[in-house]
C-alpha cells in the first residue's frame, strides 16, 4: 500500500468537503475562490490555486456546484465564483447517498 497516495486521497476528500461547507455558509450567493482559499488556509488545509481549481472542477463535474467567472469587459480576473447546486445541498443535508470523494464529517 502506498501511504503517500492514501494521504493525498484523504486530504483531497477533506478539502472537497470543506469547500462544500464554505459554500453552504454563503448559500445562495456564490463564494469567491479567493475566499475559499483563505478559509482552507485558516483550517490548516492550504492548497495552491491550481489544486483549488482542480477540486472545484471535481465538484462541478459531480454536479454539486456550478462555477461562473466574474466578468468585466476586457479584464480577466483570476478568481471564479462557485455556488452550490440543489444536488450539492442534498449531499450536505444527507438527502442523497454520501459521496466517497467528498468527506463531510
PDB file of N, CA and C in Angstrom:
ATOM      1  N   UNK A   1       0.841  -1.181   0.000  1.00  0.00           N
ATOM      2  CA  UNK A   1       0.000   0.000   0.000  1.00  0.00           C
ATOM      3  C   UNK A   1       0.883   1.240   0.000  1.00  0.00           C
ATOM      4  N   UNK A   2       0.557   2.212  -0.819  1.00  0.00           N
ATOM      5  CA  UNK A   2       1.312   3.445  -0.935  1.00  0.00           C
ATOM      6  C   UNK A   2       0.748   4.476   0.029  1.00  0.00           C
ATOM      7  N   UNK A   3       1.445   4.746   1.125  1.00  0.00           N
ATOM      8  CA  UNK A   3       0.961   5.654   2.159  1.00  0.00           C
ATOM      9  C   UNK A   3       0.813   7.071   1.632  1.00  0.00           C
ATOM     10  N   UNK A   4       1.742   7.533   0.799  1.00  0.00           N
ATOM     11  CA  UNK A   4       1.650   8.882   0.256  1.00  0.00           C
ATOM     12  C   UNK A   4       0.394   9.054  -0.577  1.00  0.00           C
ATOM     13  N   UNK A   5       0.054   8.050  -1.374  1.00  0.00           N
ATOM     14  CA  UNK A   5      -1.156   8.120  -2.184  1.00  0.00           C
ATOM     15  C   UNK A   5      -2.383   8.158  -1.295  1.00  0.00           C
ATOM     16  N   UNK A   6      -2.373   7.361  -0.240  1.00  0.00           N
ATOM     17  CA  UNK A   6      -3.509   7.347   0.674  1.00  0.00           C
ATOM     18  C   UNK A   6      -3.686   8.701   1.350  1.00  0.00           C
ATOM     19  N   UNK A   7      -2.595   9.317   1.797  1.00  0.00           N
ATOM     20  CA  UNK A   7      -2.671  10.624   2.444  1.00  0.00           C
ATOM     21  C   UNK A   7      -3.185  11.683   1.473  1.00  0.00           C
ATOM     22  N   UNK A   8      -2.722  11.623   0.237  1.00  0.00           N
ATOM     23  CA  UNK A   8      -3.175  12.586  -0.769  1.00  0.00           C
ATOM     24  C   UNK A   8      -4.680  12.423  -1.027  1.00  0.00           C
ATOM     25  N   UNK A   9      -5.135  11.192  -1.092  1.00  0.00           N
ATOM     26  CA  UNK A   9      -6.559  10.927  -1.310  1.00  0.00           C
ATOM     27  C   UNK A   9      -7.389  11.432  -0.138  1.00  0.00           C
ATOM     28  N   UNK A  10      -6.934  11.153   1.062  1.00  0.00           N
ATOM     29  CA  UNK A  10      -7.652  11.598   2.261  1.00  0.00           C
ATOM     30  C   UNK A  10      -7.711  13.117   2.313  1.00  0.00           C
ATOM     31  N   UNK A  11      -6.592  13.776   2.051  1.00  0.00           N
ATOM     32  CA  UNK A  11      -6.560  15.245   2.064  1.00  0.00           C
ATOM     33  C   UNK A  11      -7.485  15.821   0.994  1.00  0.00           C
ATOM     34  N   UNK A  12      -7.497  15.213  -0.179  1.00  0.00           N
ATOM     35  CA  UNK A  12      -8.374  15.710  -1.248  1.00  0.00           C
ATOM     36  C   UNK A  12      -9.835  15.614  -0.840  1.00  0.00           C
ATOM     37  N   UNK A  13     -10.211  14.504  -0.219  1.00  0.00           N
ATOM     38  CA  UNK A  13     -11.601  14.334   0.234  1.00  0.00           C
ATOM     39  C   UNK A  13     -11.954  15.366   1.300  1.00  0.00           C
ATOM     40  N   UNK A  14     -11.020  15.617   2.213  1.00  0.00           N
ATOM     41  CA  UNK A  14     -11.272  16.611   3.258  1.00  0.00           C
ATOM     42  C   UNK A  14     -11.394  18.009   2.674  1.00  0.00           C
ATOM     43  N   UNK A  15     -10.526  18.345   1.750  1.00  0.00           N
ATOM     44  CA  UNK A  15     -10.566  19.669   1.126  1.00  0.00           C
ATOM     45  C   UNK A  15     -11.887  19.862   0.389  1.00  0.00           C
ATOM     46  N   UNK A  16     -12.318  18.863  -0.358  1.00  0.00           N
ATOM     47  CA  UNK A  16     -13.596  18.990  -1.089  1.00  0.00           C
ATOM     48  C   UNK A  16     -14.767  19.156  -0.130  1.00  0.00           C
ATOM     49  N   UNK A  17     -14.756  18.419   0.956  1.00  0.00           N
ATOM     50  CA  UNK A  17     -15.820  18.560   1.949  1.00  0.00           C
ATOM     51  C   UNK A  17     -15.820  19.935   2.575  1.00  0.00           C
ATOM     52  N   UNK A  18     -14.636  20.445   2.863  1.00  0.00           N
ATOM     53  CA  UNK A  18     -14.534  21.765   3.465  1.00  0.00           C
ATOM     54  C   UNK A  18     -15.018  22.835   2.485  1.00  0.00           C
ATOM     55  N   UNK A  19     -14.668  22.691   1.217  1.00  0.00           N
ATOM     56  CA  UNK A  19     -15.153  23.630   0.201  1.00  0.00           C
ATOM     57  C   UNK A  19     -16.682  23.641   0.198  1.00  0.00           C
ATOM     58  N   UNK A  20     -17.280  22.468   0.241  1.00  0.00           N
ATOM     59  CA  UNK A  20     -18.749  22.379   0.242  1.00  0.00           C
ATOM     60  C   UNK A  20     -19.339  23.104   1.456  1.00  0.00           C
ATOM     61  N   UNK A  21     -18.707  22.948   2.609  1.00  0.00           N
ATOM     62  CA  UNK A  21     -19.206  23.596   3.824  1.00  0.00           C
ATOM     63  C   UNK A  21     -19.057  25.114   3.752  1.00  0.00           C
ATOM     64  N   UNK A  22     -17.956  25.589   3.173  1.00  0.00           N
ATOM     65  CA  UNK A  22     -17.772  27.031   2.988  1.00  0.00           C
ATOM     66  C   UNK A  22     -18.860  27.572   2.056  1.00  0.00           C
ATOM     67  N   UNK A  23     -19.133  26.847   0.986  1.00  0.00           N
ATOM     68  CA  UNK A  23     -20.173  27.289   0.049  1.00  0.00           C
ATOM     69  C   UNK A  23     -21.552  27.274   0.699  1.00  0.00           C
ATOM     70  N   UNK A  24     -21.765  26.335   1.625  1.00  0.00           N
ATOM     71  CA  UNK A  24     -23.042  26.262   2.331  1.00  0.00           C
ATOM     72  C   UNK A  24     -23.270  27.523   3.170  1.00  0.00           C
ATOM     73  N   UNK A  25     -22.203  28.047   3.764  1.00  0.00           N
ATOM     74  CA  UNK A  25     -22.316  29.261   4.578  1.00  0.00           C
ATOM     75  C   UNK A  25     -22.789  30.430   3.730  1.00  0.00           C
ATOM     76  N   UNK A  26     -22.255  30.552   2.525  1.00  0.00           N
ATOM     77  CA  UNK A  26     -22.608  31.671   1.654  1.00  0.00           C
ATOM     78  C   UNK A  26     -23.864  31.481   0.835  1.00  0.00           C
ATOM     79  N   UNK A  27     -24.403  30.266   0.850  1.00  0.00           N
ATOM     80  CA  UNK A  27     -25.561  29.956   0.011  1.00  0.00           C
ATOM     81  C   UNK A  27     -26.737  30.865   0.341  1.00  0.00           C
ATOM     82  N   UNK A  28     -27.450  31.415  -0.623  1.00  0.00           N
ATOM     83  CA  UNK A  28     -27.493  31.051  -2.041  1.00  0.00           C
ATOM     84  C   UNK A  28     -26.533  31.848  -2.926  1.00  0.00           C
ATOM     85  N   UNK A  29     -25.734  32.722  -2.329  1.00  0.00           N
ATOM     86  CA  UNK A  29     -24.802  33.513  -3.123  1.00  0.00           C
ATOM     87  C   UNK A  29     -23.540  32.705  -3.435  1.00  0.00           C
ATOM     88  N   UNK A  30     -22.891  32.986  -4.561  1.00  0.00           N
ATOM     89  CA  UNK A  30     -21.611  32.341  -4.832  1.00  0.00           C
ATOM     90  C   UNK A  30     -20.540  32.873  -3.881  1.00  0.00           C
ATOM     91  N   UNK A  31     -19.485  32.112  -3.716  1.00  0.00           N
ATOM     92  CA  UNK A  31     -18.364  32.499  -2.863  1.00  0.00           C
ATOM     93  C   UNK A  31     -17.108  32.524  -3.722  1.00  0.00           C
ATOM     94  N   UNK A  32     -16.373  33.598  -3.661  1.00  0.00           N
ATOM     95  CA  UNK A  32     -15.169  33.721  -4.477  1.00  0.00           C
ATOM     96  C   UNK A  32     -14.136  32.657  -4.144  1.00  0.00           C
ATOM     97  N   UNK A  33     -13.467  32.168  -5.180  1.00  0.00           N
ATOM     98  CA  UNK A  33     -12.432  31.156  -4.962  1.00  0.00           C
ATOM     99  C   UNK A  33     -11.318  31.695  -4.073  1.00  0.00           C
ATOM    100  N   UNK A  34     -11.099  33.008  -4.103  1.00  0.00           N
ATOM    101  CA  UNK A  34     -10.092  33.603  -3.230  1.00  0.00           C
ATOM    102  C   UNK A  34     -10.512  33.495  -1.761  1.00  0.00           C
ATOM    103  N   UNK A  35     -11.793  33.630  -1.481  1.00  0.00           N
ATOM    104  CA  UNK A  35     -12.304  33.474  -0.119  1.00  0.00           C
ATOM    105  C   UNK A  35     -12.180  32.018   0.324  1.00  0.00           C
ATOM    106  N   UNK A  36     -12.516  31.096  -0.561  1.00  0.00           N
ATOM    107  CA  UNK A  36     -12.387  29.668  -0.249  1.00  0.00           C
ATOM    108  C   UNK A  36     -10.938  29.334   0.073  1.00  0.00           C
ATOM    109  N   UNK A  37     -10.013  29.876  -0.704  1.00  0.00           N
ATOM    110  CA  UNK A  37      -8.594  29.612  -0.477  1.00  0.00           C
ATOM    111  C   UNK A  37      -8.166  30.101   0.914  1.00  0.00           C
ATOM    112  N   UNK A  38      -8.616  31.268   1.329  1.00  0.00           N
ATOM    113  CA  UNK A  38      -8.296  31.808   2.653  1.00  0.00           C
ATOM    114  C   UNK A  38      -8.884  30.921   3.742  1.00  0.00           C
ATOM    115  N   UNK A  39     -10.119  30.473   3.551  1.00  0.00           N
ATOM    116  CA  UNK A  39     -10.763  29.587   4.531  1.00  0.00           C
ATOM    117  C   UNK A  39     -10.007  28.270   4.674  1.00  0.00           C
ATOM    118  N   UNK A  40      -9.528  27.729   3.560  1.00  0.00           N
ATOM    119  CA  UNK A  40      -8.761  26.485   3.609  1.00  0.00           C
ATOM    120  C   UNK A  40      -7.443  26.677   4.365  1.00  0.00           C
ATOM    121  N   UNK A  41      -6.774  27.784   4.135  1.00  0.00           N
ATOM    122  CA  UNK A  41      -5.531  28.076   4.856  1.00  0.00           C
ATOM    123  C   UNK A  41      -5.824  28.185   6.352  1.00  0.00           C
ATOM    124  N   UNK A  42      -6.886  28.912   6.714  1.00  0.00           N
ATOM    125  CA  UNK A  42      -7.257  29.065   8.119  1.00  0.00           C
ATOM    126  C   UNK A  42      -7.582  27.729   8.773  1.00  0.00           C
ATOM    127  N   UNK A  43      -8.092  26.780   8.004  1.00  0.00           N
ATOM    128  CA  UNK A  43      -8.446  25.462   8.524  1.00  0.00           C
ATOM    129  C   UNK A  43      -7.252  24.500   8.526  1.00  0.00           C
ATOM    130  N   UNK A  44      -6.094  24.982   8.090  1.00  0.00           N
ATOM    131  CA  UNK A  44      -4.919  24.118   8.041  1.00  0.00           C
ATOM    132  C   UNK A  44      -4.877  23.212   6.826  1.00  0.00           C
ATOM    133  N   UNK A  45      -5.617  23.587   5.789  1.00  0.00           N
ATOM    134  CA  UNK A  45      -5.673  22.805   4.554  1.00  0.00           C
ATOM    135  C   UNK A  45      -5.235  23.668   3.364  1.00  0.00           C
ATOM    136  N   UNK A  46      -4.017  24.205   3.404  1.00  0.00           N
ATOM    137  CA  UNK A  46      -3.603  25.102   2.315  1.00  0.00           C
ATOM    138  C   UNK A  46      -3.497  24.367   0.978  1.00  0.00           C
ATOM    139  N   UNK A  47      -3.913  25.042  -0.068  1.00  0.00           N
ATOM    140  CA  UNK A  47      -3.827  24.496  -1.421  1.00  0.00           C
ATOM    141  C   UNK A  47      -3.315  25.582  -2.359  1.00  0.00           C
ATOM    142  N   UNK A  48      -2.705  25.154  -3.426  1.00  0.00           N
ATOM    143  CA  UNK A  48      -2.300  26.102  -4.454  1.00  0.00           C
ATOM    144  C   UNK A  48      -3.539  26.496  -5.258  1.00  0.00           C
ATOM    145  N   UNK A  49      -3.495  27.626  -5.942  1.00  0.00           N
ATOM    146  CA  UNK A  49      -4.629  27.988  -6.795  1.00  0.00           C
ATOM    147  C   UNK A  49      -4.948  26.912  -7.834  1.00  0.00           C
ATOM    148  N   UNK A  50      -3.928  26.253  -8.359  1.00  0.00           N
ATOM    149  CA  UNK A  50      -4.136  25.186  -9.345  1.00  0.00           C
ATOM    150  C   UNK A  50      -4.846  23.999  -8.711  1.00  0.00           C
ATOM    151  N   UNK A  51      -4.415  23.616  -7.506  1.00  0.00           N
ATOM    152  CA  UNK A  51      -5.057  22.498  -6.810  1.00  0.00           C
ATOM    153  C   UNK A  51      -6.503  22.848  -6.459  1.00  0.00           C
ATOM    154  N   UNK A  52      -6.737  24.087  -6.008  1.00  0.00           N
ATOM    155  CA  UNK A  52      -8.099  24.508  -5.689  1.00  0.00           C
ATOM    156  C   UNK A  52      -8.978  24.427  -6.924  1.00  0.00           C
ATOM    157  N   UNK A  53      -8.454  24.876  -8.037  1.00  0.00           N
ATOM    158  CA  UNK A  53      -9.207  24.809  -9.290  1.00  0.00           C
ATOM    159  C   UNK A  53      -9.567  23.362  -9.638  1.00  0.00           C
ATOM    160  N   UNK A  54      -8.643  22.440  -9.393  1.00  0.00           N
ATOM    161  CA  UNK A  54      -8.912  21.027  -9.642  1.00  0.00           C
ATOM    162  C   UNK A  54     -10.017  20.486  -8.748  1.00  0.00           C
ATOM    163  N   UNK A  55     -10.009  20.871  -7.475  1.00  0.00           N
ATOM    164  CA  UNK A  55     -11.060  20.426  -6.555  1.00  0.00           C
ATOM    165  C   UNK A  55     -12.421  21.013  -6.965  1.00  0.00           C
ATOM    166  N   UNK A  56     -12.422  22.279  -7.370  1.00  0.00           N
ATOM    167  CA  UNK A  56     -13.668  22.899  -7.818  1.00  0.00           C
ATOM    168  C   UNK A  56     -14.183  22.213  -9.088  1.00  0.00           C
ATOM    169  N   UNK A  57     -13.288  21.884 -10.002  1.00  0.00           N
ATOM    170  CA  UNK A  57     -13.694  21.180 -11.221  1.00  0.00           C
ATOM    171  C   UNK A  57     -14.298  19.814 -10.881  1.00  0.00           C
ATOM    172  N   UNK A  58     -13.692  19.108  -9.935  1.00  0.00           N
ATOM    173  CA  UNK A  58     -14.210  17.803  -9.498  1.00  0.00           C
ATOM    174  C   UNK A  58     -15.642  17.961  -8.980  1.00  0.00           C
ATOM    175  N   UNK A  59     -15.844  18.936  -8.093  1.00  0.00           N
ATOM    176  CA  UNK A  59     -17.180  19.139  -7.525  1.00  0.00           C
ATOM    177  C   UNK A  59     -18.184  19.565  -8.592  1.00  0.00           C
ATOM    178  N   UNK A  60     -17.718  20.336  -9.556  1.00  0.00           N
ATOM    179  CA  UNK A  60     -18.590  20.751 -10.667  1.00  0.00           C
ATOM    180  C   UNK A  60     -18.980  19.547 -11.514  1.00  0.00           C
ATOM    181  N   UNK A  61     -18.000  18.699 -11.845  1.00  0.00           N
ATOM    182  CA  UNK A  61     -18.284  17.525 -12.666  1.00  0.00           C
ATOM    183  C   UNK A  61     -19.231  16.559 -11.969  1.00  0.00           C
ATOM    184  N   UNK A  62     -19.198  16.526 -10.647  1.00  0.00           N
ATOM    185  CA  UNK A  62     -20.116  15.687  -9.870  1.00  0.00           C
ATOM    186  C   UNK A  62     -21.511  16.304  -9.790  1.00  0.00           C
ATOM    187  N   UNK A  63     -21.627  17.572 -10.178  1.00  0.00           N
ATOM    188  CA  UNK A  63     -22.921  18.238 -10.163  1.00  0.00           C
ATOM    189  C   UNK A  63     -23.253  18.914  -8.839  1.00  0.00           C
ATOM    190  N   UNK A  64     -22.266  19.038  -7.948  1.00  0.00           N
ATOM    191  CA  UNK A  64     -22.519  19.623  -6.630  1.00  0.00           C
ATOM    192  C   UNK A  64     -22.412  21.143  -6.612  1.00  0.00           C
ATOM    193  N   UNK A  65     -21.667  21.696  -7.569  1.00  0.00           N
ATOM    194  CA  UNK A  65     -21.519  23.148  -7.644  1.00  0.00           C
ATOM    195  C   UNK A  65     -21.616  23.589  -9.099  1.00  0.00           C
ATOM    196  N   UNK A  66     -21.874  24.862  -9.260  1.00  0.00           N
ATOM    197  CA  UNK A  66     -21.744  25.488 -10.575  1.00  0.00           C
ATOM    198  C   UNK A  66     -20.747  26.623 -10.402  1.00  0.00           C
ATOM    199  N   UNK A  67     -20.040  26.936 -11.461  1.00  0.00           N
ATOM    200  CA  UNK A  67     -18.980  27.930 -11.382  1.00  0.00           C
ATOM    201  C   UNK A  67     -19.184  28.979 -12.466  1.00  0.00           C
ATOM    202  N   UNK A  68     -19.141  30.222 -12.052  1.00  0.00           N
ATOM    203  CA  UNK A  68     -19.149  31.327 -13.006  1.00  0.00           C
ATOM    204  C   UNK A  68     -17.860  32.116 -12.813  1.00  0.00           C
ATOM    205  N   UNK A  69     -17.511  32.878 -13.813  1.00  0.00           N
ATOM    206  CA  UNK A  69     -16.341  33.747 -13.742  1.00  0.00           C
ATOM    207  C   UNK A  69     -16.845  35.182 -13.741  1.00  0.00           C
ATOM    208  N   UNK A  70     -16.338  35.998 -12.794  1.00  0.00           N
ATOM    209  CA  UNK A  70     -16.752  37.399 -12.824  1.00  0.00           C
ATOM    210  C   UNK A  70     -16.200  38.046 -14.084  1.00  0.00           C
ATOM    211  N   UNK A  71     -17.006  38.850 -14.702  1.00  0.00           N
ATOM    212  CA  UNK A  71     -16.545  39.442 -15.946  1.00  0.00           C
ATOM    213  C   UNK A  71     -16.690  40.953 -15.975  1.00  0.00           C
ATOM    214  N   UNK A  72     -15.607  41.574 -16.204  1.00  0.00           N
ATOM    215  CA  UNK A  72     -15.609  42.987 -16.510  1.00  0.00           C
ATOM    216  C   UNK A  72     -15.039  43.087 -17.910  1.00  0.00           C
ATOM    217  N   UNK A  73     -15.680  43.848 -18.725  1.00  0.00           N
ATOM    218  CA  UNK A  73     -15.280  43.912 -20.123  1.00  0.00           C
ATOM    219  C   UNK A  73     -13.780  44.196 -20.254  1.00  0.00           C
ATOM    220  N   UNK A  74     -13.081  43.264 -20.912  1.00  0.00           N
ATOM    221  CA  UNK A  74     -11.666  43.430 -21.170  1.00  0.00           C
ATOM    222  C   UNK A  74     -10.751  43.073 -20.008  1.00  0.00           C
ATOM    223  N   UNK A  75     -11.323  42.631 -18.871  1.00  0.00           N
ATOM    224  CA  UNK A  75     -10.495  42.283 -17.715  1.00  0.00           C
ATOM    225  C   UNK A  75     -10.758  40.829 -17.343  1.00  0.00           C
ATOM    226  N   UNK A  76      -9.699  40.054 -17.263  1.00  0.00           N
ATOM    227  CA  UNK A  76      -9.812  38.655 -16.864  1.00  0.00           C
ATOM    228  C   UNK A  76      -9.352  38.533 -15.417  1.00  0.00           C
ATOM    229  N   UNK A  77     -10.302  38.372 -14.501  1.00  0.00           N
ATOM    230  CA  UNK A  77      -9.965  38.258 -13.086  1.00  0.00           C
ATOM    231  C   UNK A  77      -9.571  36.824 -12.763  1.00  0.00           C
ATOM    232  N   UNK A  78      -8.577  36.642 -11.887  1.00  0.00           N
ATOM    233  CA  UNK A  78      -8.074  35.298 -11.600  1.00  0.00           C
ATOM    234  C   UNK A  78      -8.891  34.539 -10.549  1.00  0.00           C
ATOM    235  N   UNK A  79     -10.163  34.850 -10.419  1.00  0.00           N
ATOM    236  CA  UNK A  79     -10.998  34.125  -9.464  1.00  0.00           C
ATOM    237  C   UNK A  79     -12.213  33.554 -10.168  1.00  0.00           C
ATOM    238  N   UNK A  80     -12.830  32.585  -9.517  1.00  0.00           N
ATOM    239  CA  UNK A  80     -14.093  32.035 -10.004  1.00  0.00           C
ATOM    240  C   UNK A  80     -15.108  32.183  -8.889  1.00  0.00           C
ATOM    241  N   UNK A  81     -16.367  32.008  -9.231  1.00  0.00           N
ATOM    242  CA  UNK A  81     -17.457  32.173  -8.269  1.00  0.00           C
ATOM    243  C   UNK A  81     -18.294  30.902  -8.203  1.00  0.00           C
ATOM    244  N   UNK A  82     -17.856  29.908  -7.429  1.00  0.00           N
ATOM    245  CA  UNK A  82     -18.651  28.689  -7.292  1.00  0.00           C
ATOM    246  C   UNK A  82     -19.824  28.885  -6.340  1.00  0.00           C
ATOM    247  N   UNK A  83     -20.885  28.138  -6.573  1.00  0.00           N
ATOM    248  CA  UNK A  83     -22.011  28.100  -5.648  1.00  0.00           C
ATOM    249  C   UNK A  83     -22.650  26.722  -5.706  1.00  0.00           C
ATOM    250  N   UNK A  84     -23.344  26.387  -4.649  1.00  0.00           N
ATOM    251  CA  UNK A  84     -23.972  25.072  -4.557  1.00  0.00           C
ATOM    252  C   UNK A  84     -25.120  24.922  -5.537  1.00  0.00           C
ATOM    253  N   UNK A  85     -25.295  23.714  -6.031  1.00  0.00           N
ATOM    254  CA  UNK A  85     -26.467  23.356  -6.820  1.00  0.00           C
ATOM    255  C   UNK A  85     -27.447  22.648  -5.875  1.00  0.00           C
ATOM    256  N   UNK A  86     -28.669  22.414  -6.311  1.00  0.00           N
ATOM    257  CA  UNK A  86     -29.591  21.632  -5.473  1.00  0.00           C
ATOM    258  C   UNK A  86     -29.014  20.266  -5.090  1.00  0.00           C
ATOM    259  N   UNK A  87     -28.289  19.626  -5.999  1.00  0.00           N
ATOM    260  CA  UNK A  87     -27.673  18.337  -5.683  1.00  0.00           C
ATOM    261  C   UNK A  87     -26.613  18.494  -4.590  1.00  0.00           C
ATOM    262  N   UNK A  88     -25.865  19.583  -4.628  1.00  0.00           N
ATOM    263  CA  UNK A  88     -24.873  19.848  -3.596  1.00  0.00           C
ATOM    264  C   UNK A  88     -25.514  20.062  -2.234  1.00  0.00           C
ATOM    265  N   UNK A  89     -26.630  20.753  -2.209  1.00  0.00           N
ATOM    266  CA  UNK A  89     -27.364  20.957  -0.957  1.00  0.00           C
ATOM    267  C   UNK A  89     -27.872  19.611  -0.444  1.00  0.00           C
ATOM    268  N   UNK A  90     -28.402  18.805  -1.338  1.00  0.00           N
ATOM    269  CA  UNK A  90     -28.875  17.469  -0.933  1.00  0.00           C
ATOM    270  C   UNK A  90     -27.741  16.631  -0.341  1.00  0.00           C
ATOM    271  N   UNK A  91     -26.549  16.719  -0.931  1.00  0.00           N
ATOM    272  CA  UNK A  91     -25.408  15.977  -0.389  1.00  0.00           C
ATOM    273  C   UNK A  91     -25.083  16.461   1.024  1.00  0.00           C
ATOM    274  N   UNK A  92     -25.030  17.767   1.212  1.00  0.00           N
ATOM    275  CA  UNK A  92     -24.719  18.333   2.525  1.00  0.00           C
ATOM    276  C   UNK A  92     -25.772  17.986   3.574  1.00  0.00           C
ATOM    277  N   UNK A  93     -27.024  17.932   3.159  1.00  0.00           N
ATOM    278  CA  UNK A  93     -28.116  17.655   4.097  1.00  0.00           C
ATOM    279  C   UNK A  93     -28.361  16.170   4.301  1.00  0.00           C
ATOM    280  N   UNK A  94     -27.644  15.323   3.563  1.00  0.00           N
ATOM    281  CA  UNK A  94     -27.812  13.883   3.713  1.00  0.00           C
ATOM    282  C   UNK A  94     -29.037  13.330   3.019  1.00  0.00           C
ATOM    283  N   UNK A  95     -29.573  14.075   2.051  1.00  0.00           N
ATOM    284  CA  UNK A  95     -30.761  13.639   1.313  1.00  0.00           C
ATOM    285  C   UNK A  95     -30.431  12.672   0.181  1.00  0.00           C
ATOM    286  N   UNK A  96     -29.147  12.582  -0.176  1.00  0.00           N
ATOM    287  CA  UNK A  96     -28.697  11.617  -1.173  1.00  0.00           C
ATOM    288  C   UNK A  96     -27.559  10.811  -0.551  1.00  0.00           C
ATOM    289  N   UNK A  97     -27.211   9.713  -1.186  1.00  0.00           N
ATOM    290  CA  UNK A  97     -26.144   8.859  -0.662  1.00  0.00           C
ATOM    291  C   UNK A  97     -24.846   9.643  -0.541  1.00  0.00           C
ATOM    292  N   UNK A  98     -24.062   9.386   0.512  1.00  0.00           N
ATOM    293  CA  UNK A  98     -22.768  10.053   0.662  1.00  0.00           C
ATOM    294  C   UNK A  98     -21.871   9.759  -0.534  1.00  0.00           C
ATOM    295  N   UNK A  99     -21.010  10.701  -0.827  1.00  0.00           N
ATOM    296  CA  UNK A  99     -20.050  10.559  -1.917  1.00  0.00           C
ATOM    297  C   UNK A  99     -18.691  10.254  -1.296  1.00  0.00           C
ATOM    298  N   UNK A 100     -18.077   9.112  -1.631  1.00  0.00           N
ATOM    299  CA  UNK A 100     -16.787   8.778  -1.028  1.00  0.00           C
ATOM    300  C   UNK A 100     -15.662   9.757  -1.387  1.00  0.00           C
ATOM    301  N   UNK A 101     -15.869  10.581  -2.401  1.00  0.00           N
ATOM    302  CA  UNK A 101     -14.853  11.554  -2.794  1.00  0.00           C
ATOM    303  C   UNK A 101     -14.968  12.884  -2.086  1.00  0.00           C
ATOM    304  N   UNK A 102     -15.992  13.025  -1.214  1.00  0.00           N
ATOM    305  CA  UNK A 102     -16.228  14.282  -0.503  1.00  0.00           C
ATOM    306  C   UNK A 102     -16.482  13.956   0.962  1.00  0.00           C
ATOM    307  N   UNK A 103     -15.522  14.286   1.822  1.00  0.00           N
ATOM    308  CA  UNK A 103     -15.627  13.970   3.252  1.00  0.00           C
ATOM    309  C   UNK A 103     -16.364  15.096   3.960  1.00  0.00           C
ATOM    310  N   UNK A 104     -17.562  14.816   4.479  1.00  0.00           N
ATOM    311  CA  UNK A 104     -18.397  15.845   5.104  1.00  0.00           C
ATOM    312  C   UNK A 104     -18.520  15.714   6.613  1.00  0.00           C
ATOM    313  N   UNK A 105     -17.776  14.844   7.236  1.00  0.00           N
ATOM    314  CA  UNK A 105     -17.911  14.655   8.699  1.00  0.00           C
ATOM    315  C   UNK A 105     -17.271  15.763   9.479  1.00  0.00           C
TER     316      UNK A 105
END
